Amino acid sequence: IRYFRKERGLSQEELAHQASLHNT
Protein backbone atom coordinates (compact mmCIF):
# COMPACT_ATOMS: atom_id res chain seq x y z
CA ILE A 1 0.00 0.00 0.00
CA ARG A 2 2.77 2.45 0.96
CA TYR A 3 4.74 1.68 -2.21
CA PHE A 4 1.82 2.30 -4.57
CA ARG A 5 0.63 5.35 -2.59
CA LYS A 6 4.06 7.00 -2.67
CA GLU A 7 4.58 6.04 -6.31
CA ARG A 8 1.45 8.06 -7.08
CA GLY A 9 2.48 10.97 -4.87
CA LEU A 10 -0.49 10.62 -2.53
CA SER A 11 -0.55 11.36 1.18
CA GLN A 12 -2.25 8.90 3.52
CA GLU A 13 -5.07 11.42 3.89
CA GLU A 14 -5.55 11.75 0.12
CA LEU A 15 -5.60 7.98 -0.34
CA ALA A 16 -8.02 7.57 2.56
CA HIS A 17 -10.35 10.19 1.10
CA GLN A 18 -10.29 8.63 -2.38
CA ALA A 19 -10.86 5.15 -0.90
CA SER A 20 -13.61 6.34 1.49
CA LEU A 21 -11.61 5.05 4.47
CA HIS A 22 -10.28 6.79 7.57
CA ASN A 23 -6.74 8.17 7.28
CA THR A 24 -5.65 6.54 10.56
mmCIF file of all heavy atoms, coordinates in Angstrom:
data_MODEL
# 
_entry.id   MODEL 
# 
loop_
_atom_site.group_PDB 
_atom_site.id 
_atom_site.type_symbol 
_atom_site.label_atom_id 
_atom_site.label_alt_id 
_atom_site.label_comp_id 
_atom_site.label_asym_id 
_atom_site.label_entity_id 
_atom_site.label_seq_id 
_atom_site.pdbx_PDB_ins_code 
_atom_site.Cartn_x 
_atom_site.Cartn_y 
_atom_site.Cartn_z 
_atom_site.occupancy 
_atom_site.B_iso_or_equiv 
_atom_site.pdbx_formal_charge 
_atom_site.auth_seq_id 
_atom_site.auth_comp_id 
_atom_site.auth_asym_id 
_atom_site.auth_atom_id 
_atom_site.pdbx_PDB_model_num 
ATOM 1   N N   . ILE A 1 1  ? 0.847   -1.197 0.000  1.00 0.00 ? 1  ILE A N   1 
ATOM 2   C CA  . ILE A 1 1  ? 0.000   0.000  0.000  1.00 0.00 ? 1  ILE A CA  1 
ATOM 3   C C   . ILE A 1 1  ? 0.879   1.244  0.000  1.00 0.00 ? 1  ILE A C   1 
ATOM 4   O O   . ILE A 1 1  ? 0.673   2.158  -0.799 1.00 0.00 ? 1  ILE A O   1 
ATOM 5   C CB  . ILE A 1 1  ? -0.962  0.012  1.212  1.00 0.00 ? 1  ILE A CB  1 
ATOM 6   C CG1 . ILE A 1 1  ? -1.999  -1.107 1.080  1.00 0.00 ? 1  ILE A CG1 1 
ATOM 7   C CG2 . ILE A 1 1  ? -1.657  1.381  1.349  1.00 0.00 ? 1  ILE A CG2 1 
ATOM 8   C CD1 . ILE A 1 1  ? -2.854  -1.331 2.319  1.00 0.00 ? 1  ILE A CD1 1 
ATOM 9   N N   . ARG A 1 2  ? 1.866   1.293  0.883  1.00 0.00 ? 2  ARG A N   1 
ATOM 10  C CA  . ARG A 1 2  ? 2.771   2.448  0.963  1.00 0.00 ? 2  ARG A CA  1 
ATOM 11  C C   . ARG A 1 2  ? 3.510   2.663  -0.357 1.00 0.00 ? 2  ARG A C   1 
ATOM 12  O O   . ARG A 1 2  ? 3.628   3.788  -0.843 1.00 0.00 ? 2  ARG A O   1 
ATOM 13  C CB  . ARG A 1 2  ? 3.771   2.266  2.099  1.00 0.00 ? 2  ARG A CB  1 
ATOM 14  C CG  . ARG A 1 2  ? 4.705   3.474  2.251  1.00 0.00 ? 2  ARG A CG  1 
ATOM 15  C CD  . ARG A 1 2  ? 5.678   3.308  3.403  1.00 0.00 ? 2  ARG A CD  1 
ATOM 16  N NE  . ARG A 1 2  ? 4.960   3.328  4.664  1.00 0.00 ? 2  ARG A NE  1 
ATOM 17  C CZ  . ARG A 1 2  ? 5.007   2.351  5.571  1.00 0.00 ? 2  ARG A CZ  1 
ATOM 18  N NH1 . ARG A 1 2  ? 5.733   1.270  5.361  1.00 0.00 ? 2  ARG A NH1 1 
ATOM 19  N NH2 . ARG A 1 2  ? 4.338   2.464  6.686  1.00 0.00 ? 2  ARG A NH2 1 
ATOM 20  N N   . TYR A 1 3  ? 4.003   1.582  -0.949 1.00 0.00 ? 3  TYR A N   1 
ATOM 21  C CA  . TYR A 1 3  ? 4.739   1.676  -2.212 1.00 0.00 ? 3  TYR A CA  1 
ATOM 22  C C   . TYR A 1 3  ? 3.878   2.322  -3.294 1.00 0.00 ? 3  TYR A C   1 
ATOM 23  O O   . TYR A 1 3  ? 4.288   3.301  -3.921 1.00 0.00 ? 3  TYR A O   1 
ATOM 24  C CB  . TYR A 1 3  ? 5.207   0.286  -2.658 1.00 0.00 ? 3  TYR A CB  1 
ATOM 25  C CG  . TYR A 1 3  ? 5.754   0.274  -4.058 1.00 0.00 ? 3  TYR A CG  1 
ATOM 26  C CD1 . TYR A 1 3  ? 7.037   0.741  -4.320 1.00 0.00 ? 3  TYR A CD1 1 
ATOM 27  C CD2 . TYR A 1 3  ? 4.988   -0.186 -5.128 1.00 0.00 ? 3  TYR A CD2 1 
ATOM 28  C CE1 . TYR A 1 3  ? 7.540   0.748  -5.612 1.00 0.00 ? 3  TYR A CE1 1 
ATOM 29  C CE2 . TYR A 1 3  ? 5.479   -0.193 -6.412 1.00 0.00 ? 3  TYR A CE2 1 
ATOM 30  C CZ  . TYR A 1 3  ? 6.759   0.283  -6.653 1.00 0.00 ? 3  TYR A CZ  1 
ATOM 31  O OH  . TYR A 1 3  ? 7.250   0.296  -7.936 1.00 0.00 ? 3  TYR A OH  1 
ATOM 32  N N   . PHE A 1 4  ? 2.678   1.765  -3.514 1.00 0.00 ? 4  PHE A N   1 
ATOM 33  C CA  . PHE A 1 4  ? 1.818   2.296  -4.569 1.00 0.00 ? 4  PHE A CA  1 
ATOM 34  C C   . PHE A 1 4  ? 1.342   3.710  -4.248 1.00 0.00 ? 4  PHE A C   1 
ATOM 35  O O   . PHE A 1 4  ? 1.236   4.549  -5.143 1.00 0.00 ? 4  PHE A O   1 
ATOM 36  C CB  . PHE A 1 4  ? 0.619   1.375  -4.812 1.00 0.00 ? 4  PHE A CB  1 
ATOM 37  C CG  . PHE A 1 4  ? 0.973   0.120  -5.567 1.00 0.00 ? 4  PHE A CG  1 
ATOM 38  C CD1 . PHE A 1 4  ? 0.907   -1.109 -4.946 1.00 0.00 ? 4  PHE A CD1 1 
ATOM 39  C CD2 . PHE A 1 4  ? 1.363   0.177  -6.897 1.00 0.00 ? 4  PHE A CD2 1 
ATOM 40  C CE1 . PHE A 1 4  ? 1.230   -2.272 -5.638 1.00 0.00 ? 4  PHE A CE1 1 
ATOM 41  C CE2 . PHE A 1 4  ? 1.693   -0.975 -7.599 1.00 0.00 ? 4  PHE A CE2 1 
ATOM 42  C CZ  . PHE A 1 4  ? 1.626   -2.205 -6.964 1.00 0.00 ? 4  PHE A CZ  1 
ATOM 43  N N   . ARG A 1 5  ? 1.072   4.005  -2.984 1.00 0.00 ? 5  ARG A N   1 
ATOM 44  C CA  . ARG A 1 5  ? 0.632   5.352  -2.594 1.00 0.00 ? 5  ARG A CA  1 
ATOM 45  C C   . ARG A 1 5  ? 1.728   6.371  -2.889 1.00 0.00 ? 5  ARG A C   1 
ATOM 46  O O   . ARG A 1 5  ? 1.486   7.406  -3.513 1.00 0.00 ? 5  ARG A O   1 
ATOM 47  C CB  . ARG A 1 5  ? 0.266   5.388  -1.104 1.00 0.00 ? 5  ARG A CB  1 
ATOM 48  C CG  . ARG A 1 5  ? -0.104  6.785  -0.610 1.00 0.00 ? 5  ARG A CG  1 
ATOM 49  C CD  . ARG A 1 5  ? -0.469  6.804  0.849  1.00 0.00 ? 5  ARG A CD  1 
ATOM 50  N NE  . ARG A 1 5  ? 0.598   6.399  1.739  1.00 0.00 ? 5  ARG A NE  1 
ATOM 51  C CZ  . ARG A 1 5  ? 1.637   7.163  2.094  1.00 0.00 ? 5  ARG A CZ  1 
ATOM 52  N NH1 . ARG A 1 5  ? 1.768   8.389  1.605  1.00 0.00 ? 5  ARG A NH1 1 
ATOM 53  N NH2 . ARG A 1 5  ? 2.546   6.716  2.947  1.00 0.00 ? 5  ARG A NH2 1 
ATOM 54  N N   . LYS A 1 6  ? 2.949   6.066  -2.455 1.00 0.00 ? 6  LYS A N   1 
ATOM 55  C CA  . LYS A 1 6  ? 4.061   7.001  -2.669 1.00 0.00 ? 6  LYS A CA  1 
ATOM 56  C C   . LYS A 1 6  ? 4.409   7.125  -4.148 1.00 0.00 ? 6  LYS A C   1 
ATOM 57  O O   . LYS A 1 6  ? 4.756   8.212  -4.615 1.00 0.00 ? 6  LYS A O   1 
ATOM 58  C CB  . LYS A 1 6  ? 5.279   6.565  -1.864 1.00 0.00 ? 6  LYS A CB  1 
ATOM 59  C CG  . LYS A 1 6  ? 5.106   6.828  -0.388 1.00 0.00 ? 6  LYS A CG  1 
ATOM 60  C CD  . LYS A 1 6  ? 6.390   6.585  0.370  1.00 0.00 ? 6  LYS A CD  1 
ATOM 61  C CE  . LYS A 1 6  ? 6.249   7.052  1.802  1.00 0.00 ? 6  LYS A CE  1 
ATOM 62  N NZ  . LYS A 1 6  ? 7.526   6.983  2.518  1.00 0.00 ? 6  LYS A NZ  1 
ATOM 63  N N   . GLU A 1 7  ? 4.308   6.017  -4.866 1.00 0.00 ? 7  GLU A N   1 
ATOM 64  C CA  . GLU A 1 7  ? 4.577   6.041  -6.305 1.00 0.00 ? 7  GLU A CA  1 
ATOM 65  C C   . GLU A 1 7  ? 3.640   7.015  -7.014 1.00 0.00 ? 7  GLU A C   1 
ATOM 66  O O   . GLU A 1 7  ? 4.009   7.661  -7.985 1.00 0.00 ? 7  GLU A O   1 
ATOM 67  C CB  . GLU A 1 7  ? 4.416   4.628  -6.872 1.00 0.00 ? 7  GLU A CB  1 
ATOM 68  C CG  . GLU A 1 7  ? 4.761   4.513  -8.342 1.00 0.00 ? 7  GLU A CG  1 
ATOM 69  C CD  . GLU A 1 7  ? 4.590   3.101  -8.855 1.00 0.00 ? 7  GLU A CD  1 
ATOM 70  O OE1 . GLU A 1 7  ? 3.474   2.558  -8.765 1.00 0.00 ? 7  GLU A OE1 1 
ATOM 71  O OE2 . GLU A 1 7  ? 5.582   2.549  -9.348 1.00 0.00 ? 7  GLU A OE2 1 
ATOM 72  N N   . ARG A 1 8  ? 2.433   7.161  -6.488 1.00 0.00 ? 8  ARG A N   1 
ATOM 73  C CA  . ARG A 1 8  ? 1.447   8.064  -7.081 1.00 0.00 ? 8  ARG A CA  1 
ATOM 74  C C   . ARG A 1 8  ? 1.454   9.456  -6.456 1.00 0.00 ? 8  ARG A C   1 
ATOM 75  O O   . ARG A 1 8  ? 0.658   10.308 -6.806 1.00 0.00 ? 8  ARG A O   1 
ATOM 76  C CB  . ARG A 1 8  ? 0.060   7.431  -6.977 1.00 0.00 ? 8  ARG A CB  1 
ATOM 77  C CG  . ARG A 1 8  ? -0.119  6.353  -8.019 1.00 0.00 ? 8  ARG A CG  1 
ATOM 78  C CD  . ARG A 1 8  ? -1.056  5.269  -7.608 1.00 0.00 ? 8  ARG A CD  1 
ATOM 79  N NE  . ARG A 1 8  ? -1.162  4.240  -8.641 1.00 0.00 ? 8  ARG A NE  1 
ATOM 80  C CZ  . ARG A 1 8  ? -0.232  3.314  -8.883 1.00 0.00 ? 8  ARG A CZ  1 
ATOM 81  N NH1 . ARG A 1 8  ? 0.872   3.263  -8.175 1.00 0.00 ? 8  ARG A NH1 1 
ATOM 82  N NH2 . ARG A 1 8  ? -0.381  2.417  -9.836 1.00 0.00 ? 8  ARG A NH2 1 
ATOM 83  N N   . GLY A 1 9  ? 2.352   9.667  -5.489 1.00 0.00 ? 9  GLY A N   1 
ATOM 84  C CA  . GLY A 1 9  ? 2.480   10.973 -4.871 1.00 0.00 ? 9  GLY A CA  1 
ATOM 85  C C   . GLY A 1 9  ? 1.320   11.353 -3.968 1.00 0.00 ? 9  GLY A C   1 
ATOM 86  O O   . GLY A 1 9  ? 1.035   12.539 -3.803 1.00 0.00 ? 9  GLY A O   1 
ATOM 87  N N   . LEU A 1 10 ? 0.663   10.360 -3.403 1.00 0.00 ? 10 LEU A N   1 
ATOM 88  C CA  . LEU A 1 10 ? -0.490  10.623 -2.532 1.00 0.00 ? 10 LEU A CA  1 
ATOM 89  C C   . LEU A 1 10 ? -0.080  10.600 -1.069 1.00 0.00 ? 10 LEU A C   1 
ATOM 90  O O   . LEU A 1 10 ? 0.775   9.801  -0.667 1.00 0.00 ? 10 LEU A O   1 
ATOM 91  C CB  . LEU A 1 10 ? -1.573  9.559  -2.737 1.00 0.00 ? 10 LEU A CB  1 
ATOM 92  C CG  . LEU A 1 10 ? -2.231  9.471  -4.107 1.00 0.00 ? 10 LEU A CG  1 
ATOM 93  C CD1 . LEU A 1 10 ? -3.141  8.251  -4.178 1.00 0.00 ? 10 LEU A CD1 1 
ATOM 94  C CD2 . LEU A 1 10 ? -3.020  10.739 -4.392 1.00 0.00 ? 10 LEU A CD2 1 
ATOM 95  N N   . SER A 1 11 ? -0.705  11.437 -0.270 1.00 0.00 ? 11 SER A N   1 
ATOM 96  C CA  . SER A 1 11 ? -0.551  11.359 1.178  1.00 0.00 ? 11 SER A CA  1 
ATOM 97  C C   . SER A 1 11 ? -1.507  10.275 1.683  1.00 0.00 ? 11 SER A C   1 
ATOM 98  O O   . SER A 1 11 ? -2.415  9.847  0.959  1.00 0.00 ? 11 SER A O   1 
ATOM 99  C CB  . SER A 1 11 ? -0.889  12.693 1.835  1.00 0.00 ? 11 SER A CB  1 
ATOM 100 O OG  . SER A 1 11 ? -2.283  12.956 1.698  1.00 0.00 ? 11 SER A OG  1 
ATOM 101 N N   . GLN A 1 12 ? -1.316  9.857  2.927  1.00 0.00 ? 12 GLN A N   1 
ATOM 102 C CA  . GLN A 1 12 ? -2.250  8.901  3.516  1.00 0.00 ? 12 GLN A CA  1 
ATOM 103 C C   . GLN A 1 12 ? -3.657  9.476  3.539  1.00 0.00 ? 12 GLN A C   1 
ATOM 104 O O   . GLN A 1 12 ? -4.634  8.766  3.275  1.00 0.00 ? 12 GLN A O   1 
ATOM 105 C CB  . GLN A 1 12 ? -1.814  8.529  4.934  1.00 0.00 ? 12 GLN A CB  1 
ATOM 106 C CG  . GLN A 1 12 ? -0.592  7.653  4.980  1.00 0.00 ? 12 GLN A CG  1 
ATOM 107 C CD  . GLN A 1 12 ? -0.177  7.292  6.391  1.00 0.00 ? 12 GLN A CD  1 
ATOM 108 O OE1 . GLN A 1 12 ? -0.666  7.867  7.365  1.00 0.00 ? 12 GLN A OE1 1 
ATOM 109 N NE2 . GLN A 1 12 ? 0.730   6.337  6.508  1.00 0.00 ? 12 GLN A NE2 1 
ATOM 110 N N   . GLU A 1 13 ? -3.762  10.772 3.834  1.00 0.00 ? 13 GLU A N   1 
ATOM 111 C CA  . GLU A 1 13 ? -5.068  11.424 3.889  1.00 0.00 ? 13 GLU A CA  1 
ATOM 112 C C   . GLU A 1 13 ? -5.747  11.427 2.524  1.00 0.00 ? 13 GLU A C   1 
ATOM 113 O O   . GLU A 1 13 ? -6.953  11.184 2.419  1.00 0.00 ? 13 GLU A O   1 
ATOM 114 C CB  . GLU A 1 13 ? -4.930  12.860 4.418  1.00 0.00 ? 13 GLU A CB  1 
ATOM 115 C CG  . GLU A 1 13 ? -4.522  12.951 5.868  1.00 0.00 ? 13 GLU A CG  1 
ATOM 116 C CD  . GLU A 1 13 ? -3.017  12.719 6.112  1.00 0.00 ? 13 GLU A CD  1 
ATOM 117 O OE1 . GLU A 1 13 ? -2.216  12.701 5.154  1.00 0.00 ? 13 GLU A OE1 1 
ATOM 118 O OE2 . GLU A 1 13 ? -2.650  12.537 7.288  1.00 0.00 ? 13 GLU A OE2 1 
ATOM 119 N N   . GLU A 1 14 ? -4.970  11.721 1.470  1.00 0.00 ? 14 GLU A N   1 
ATOM 120 C CA  . GLU A 1 14 ? -5.547  11.747 0.124  1.00 0.00 ? 14 GLU A CA  1 
ATOM 121 C C   . GLU A 1 14 ? -6.023  10.355 -0.292 1.00 0.00 ? 14 GLU A C   1 
ATOM 122 O O   . GLU A 1 14 ? -7.118  10.201 -0.849 1.00 0.00 ? 14 GLU A O   1 
ATOM 123 C CB  . GLU A 1 14 ? -4.522  12.268 -0.881 1.00 0.00 ? 14 GLU A CB  1 
ATOM 124 C CG  . GLU A 1 14 ? -4.210  13.742 -0.717 1.00 0.00 ? 14 GLU A CG  1 
ATOM 125 C CD  . GLU A 1 14 ? -2.984  14.182 -1.508 1.00 0.00 ? 14 GLU A CD  1 
ATOM 126 O OE1 . GLU A 1 14 ? -2.028  13.391 -1.666 1.00 0.00 ? 14 GLU A OE1 1 
ATOM 127 O OE2 . GLU A 1 14 ? -2.986  15.349 -1.955 1.00 0.00 ? 14 GLU A OE2 1 
ATOM 128 N N   . LEU A 1 15 ? -5.201  9.341  -0.002 1.00 0.00 ? 15 LEU A N   1 
ATOM 129 C CA  . LEU A 1 15 ? -5.599  7.982  -0.339 1.00 0.00 ? 15 LEU A CA  1 
ATOM 130 C C   . LEU A 1 15 ? -6.847  7.583  0.442  1.00 0.00 ? 15 LEU A C   1 
ATOM 131 O O   . LEU A 1 15 ? -7.788  7.013  -0.119 1.00 0.00 ? 15 LEU A O   1 
ATOM 132 C CB  . LEU A 1 15 ? -4.463  6.990  -0.064 1.00 0.00 ? 15 LEU A CB  1 
ATOM 133 C CG  . LEU A 1 15 ? -4.794  5.509  -0.287 1.00 0.00 ? 15 LEU A CG  1 
ATOM 134 C CD1 . LEU A 1 15 ? -5.262  5.252  -1.716 1.00 0.00 ? 15 LEU A CD1 1 
ATOM 135 C CD2 . LEU A 1 15 ? -3.599  4.641  0.059  1.00 0.00 ? 15 LEU A CD2 1 
ATOM 136 N N   . ALA A 1 16 ? -6.860  7.898  1.724  1.00 0.00 ? 16 ALA A N   1 
ATOM 137 C CA  . ALA A 1 16 ? -8.022  7.565  2.563  1.00 0.00 ? 16 ALA A CA  1 
ATOM 138 C C   . ALA A 1 16 ? -9.291  8.213  2.009  1.00 0.00 ? 16 ALA A C   1 
ATOM 139 O O   . ALA A 1 16 ? -10.340 7.567  1.909  1.00 0.00 ? 16 ALA A O   1 
ATOM 140 C CB  . ALA A 1 16 ? -7.769  8.011  4.000  1.00 0.00 ? 16 ALA A CB  1 
ATOM 141 N N   . HIS A 1 17 ? -9.190  9.478  1.641  1.00 0.00 ? 17 HIS A N   1 
ATOM 142 C CA  . HIS A 1 17 ? -10.352 10.191 1.102  1.00 0.00 ? 17 HIS A CA  1 
ATOM 143 C C   . HIS A 1 17 ? -10.839 9.526  -0.184 1.00 0.00 ? 17 HIS A C   1 
ATOM 144 O O   . HIS A 1 17 ? -12.046 9.280  -0.343 1.00 0.00 ? 17 HIS A O   1 
ATOM 145 C CB  . HIS A 1 17 ? -10.005 11.659 0.850  1.00 0.00 ? 17 HIS A CB  1 
ATOM 146 C CG  . HIS A 1 17 ? -11.127 12.440 0.241  1.00 0.00 ? 17 HIS A CG  1 
ATOM 147 N ND1 . HIS A 1 17 ? -12.256 12.808 0.939  1.00 0.00 ? 17 HIS A ND1 1 
ATOM 148 C CD2 . HIS A 1 17 ? -11.287 12.906 -1.024 1.00 0.00 ? 17 HIS A CD2 1 
ATOM 149 C CE1 . HIS A 1 17 ? -13.071 13.457 0.133  1.00 0.00 ? 17 HIS A CE1 1 
ATOM 150 N NE2 . HIS A 1 17 ? -12.502 13.531 -1.066 1.00 0.00 ? 17 HIS A NE2 1 
ATOM 151 N N   . GLN A 1 18 ? -9.912  9.234  -1.096 1.00 0.00 ? 18 GLN A N   1 
ATOM 152 C CA  . GLN A 1 18 ? -10.293 8.629  -2.377 1.00 0.00 ? 18 GLN A CA  1 
ATOM 153 C C   . GLN A 1 18 ? -10.847 7.221  -2.205 1.00 0.00 ? 18 GLN A C   1 
ATOM 154 O O   . GLN A 1 18 ? -11.670 6.776  -3.010 1.00 0.00 ? 18 GLN A O   1 
ATOM 155 C CB  . GLN A 1 18 ? -9.091  8.612  -3.330 1.00 0.00 ? 18 GLN A CB  1 
ATOM 156 C CG  . GLN A 1 18 ? -8.698  9.997  -3.795 1.00 0.00 ? 18 GLN A CG  1 
ATOM 157 C CD  . GLN A 1 18 ? -7.485  9.986  -4.721 1.00 0.00 ? 18 GLN A CD  1 
ATOM 158 O OE1 . GLN A 1 18 ? -7.174  8.980  -5.331 1.00 0.00 ? 18 GLN A OE1 1 
ATOM 159 N NE2 . GLN A 1 18 ? -6.806  11.120 -4.816 1.00 0.00 ? 18 GLN A NE2 1 
ATOM 160 N N   . ALA A 1 19 ? -10.399 6.518  -1.147 1.00 0.00 ? 19 ALA A N   1 
ATOM 161 C CA  . ALA A 1 19 ? -10.864 5.152  -0.903 1.00 0.00 ? 19 ALA A CA  1 
ATOM 162 C C   . ALA A 1 19 ? -12.069 5.107  0.038  1.00 0.00 ? 19 ALA A C   1 
ATOM 163 O O   . ALA A 1 19 ? -12.565 4.021  0.341  1.00 0.00 ? 19 ALA A O   1 
ATOM 164 C CB  . ALA A 1 19 ? -9.716  4.326  -0.327 1.00 0.00 ? 19 ALA A CB  1 
ATOM 165 N N   . SER A 1 20 ? -12.512 6.261  0.512  1.00 0.00 ? 20 SER A N   1 
ATOM 166 C CA  . SER A 1 20 ? -13.614 6.342  1.487  1.00 0.00 ? 20 SER A CA  1 
ATOM 167 C C   . SER A 1 20 ? -13.300 5.548  2.755  1.00 0.00 ? 20 SER A C   1 
ATOM 168 O O   . SER A 1 20 ? -14.138 4.812  3.279  1.00 0.00 ? 20 SER A O   1 
ATOM 169 C CB  . SER A 1 20 ? -14.935 5.870  0.875  1.00 0.00 ? 20 SER A CB  1 
ATOM 170 O OG  . SER A 1 20 ? -15.276 6.676  -0.223 1.00 0.00 ? 20 SER A OG  1 
ATOM 171 N N   . LEU A 1 21 ? -12.062 5.690  3.228  1.00 0.00 ? 21 LEU A N   1 
ATOM 172 C CA  . LEU A 1 21 ? -11.608 5.051  4.466  1.00 0.00 ? 21 LEU A CA  1 
ATOM 173 C C   . LEU A 1 21 ? -11.029 6.124  5.372  1.00 0.00 ? 21 LEU A C   1 
ATOM 174 O O   . LEU A 1 21 ? -10.716 7.228  4.913  1.00 0.00 ? 21 LEU A O   1 
ATOM 175 C CB  . LEU A 1 21 ? -10.540 3.987  4.169  1.00 0.00 ? 21 LEU A CB  1 
ATOM 176 C CG  . LEU A 1 21 ? -10.978 2.803  3.307  1.00 0.00 ? 21 LEU A CG  1 
ATOM 177 C CD1 . LEU A 1 21 ? -9.778  1.988  2.860  1.00 0.00 ? 21 LEU A CD1 1 
ATOM 178 C CD2 . LEU A 1 21 ? -11.964 1.925  4.066  1.00 0.00 ? 21 LEU A CD2 1 
ATOM 179 N N   . HIS A 1 22 ? -10.848 5.816  6.638  1.00 0.00 ? 22 HIS A N   1 
ATOM 180 C CA  . HIS A 1 22 ? -10.284 6.786  7.574  1.00 0.00 ? 22 HIS A CA  1 
ATOM 181 C C   . HIS A 1 22 ? -8.764  6.829  7.414  1.00 0.00 ? 22 HIS A C   1 
ATOM 182 O O   . HIS A 1 22 ? -8.126  5.799  7.220  1.00 0.00 ? 22 HIS A O   1 
ATOM 183 C CB  . HIS A 1 22 ? -10.669 6.418  9.011  1.00 0.00 ? 22 HIS A CB  1 
ATOM 184 C CG  . HIS A 1 22 ? -10.515 7.559  9.957  1.00 0.00 ? 22 HIS A CG  1 
ATOM 185 N ND1 . HIS A 1 22 ? -9.303  7.895  10.518 1.00 0.00 ? 22 HIS A ND1 1 
ATOM 186 C CD2 . HIS A 1 22 ? -11.416 8.457  10.423 1.00 0.00 ? 22 HIS A CD2 1 
ATOM 187 C CE1 . HIS A 1 22 ? -9.464  8.944  11.293 1.00 0.00 ? 22 HIS A CE1 1 
ATOM 188 N NE2 . HIS A 1 22 ? -10.744 9.305  11.248 1.00 0.00 ? 22 HIS A NE2 1 
ATOM 189 N N   . ASN A 1 23 ? -8.182  8.034  7.492  1.00 0.00 ? 23 ASN A N   1 
ATOM 190 C CA  . ASN A 1 23 ? -6.742  8.167  7.279  1.00 0.00 ? 23 ASN A CA  1 
ATOM 191 C C   . ASN A 1 23 ? -5.916  7.413  8.320  1.00 0.00 ? 23 ASN A C   1 
ATOM 192 O O   . ASN A 1 23 ? -4.838  6.914  8.009  1.00 0.00 ? 23 ASN A O   1 
ATOM 193 C CB  . ASN A 1 23 ? -6.316  9.641  7.178  1.00 0.00 ? 23 ASN A CB  1 
ATOM 194 C CG  . ASN A 1 23 ? -6.611  10.438 8.422  1.00 0.00 ? 23 ASN A CG  1 
ATOM 195 O OD1 . ASN A 1 23 ? -7.639  10.240 9.059  1.00 0.00 ? 23 ASN A OD1 1 
ATOM 196 N ND2 . ASN A 1 23 ? -5.720  11.333 8.769  1.00 0.00 ? 23 ASN A ND2 1 
ATOM 197 N N   . THR A 1 24 ? -6.411  7.300  9.563  1.00 0.00 ? 24 THR A N   1 
ATOM 198 C CA  . THR A 1 24 ? -5.648  6.541  10.557 1.00 0.00 ? 24 THR A CA  1 
ATOM 199 C C   . THR A 1 24 ? -5.651  5.048  10.210 1.00 0.00 ? 24 THR A C   1 
ATOM 200 O O   . THR A 1 24 ? -4.676  4.347  10.496 1.00 0.00 ? 24 THR A O   1 
ATOM 201 C CB  . THR A 1 24 ? -6.191  6.736  11.991 1.00 0.00 ? 24 THR A CB  1 
ATOM 202 O OG1 . THR A 1 24 ? -7.564  6.364  12.034 1.00 0.00 ? 24 THR A OG1 1 
ATOM 203 C CG2 . THR A 1 24 ? -6.027  8.171  12.445 1.00 0.00 ? 24 THR A CG2 1 
# 
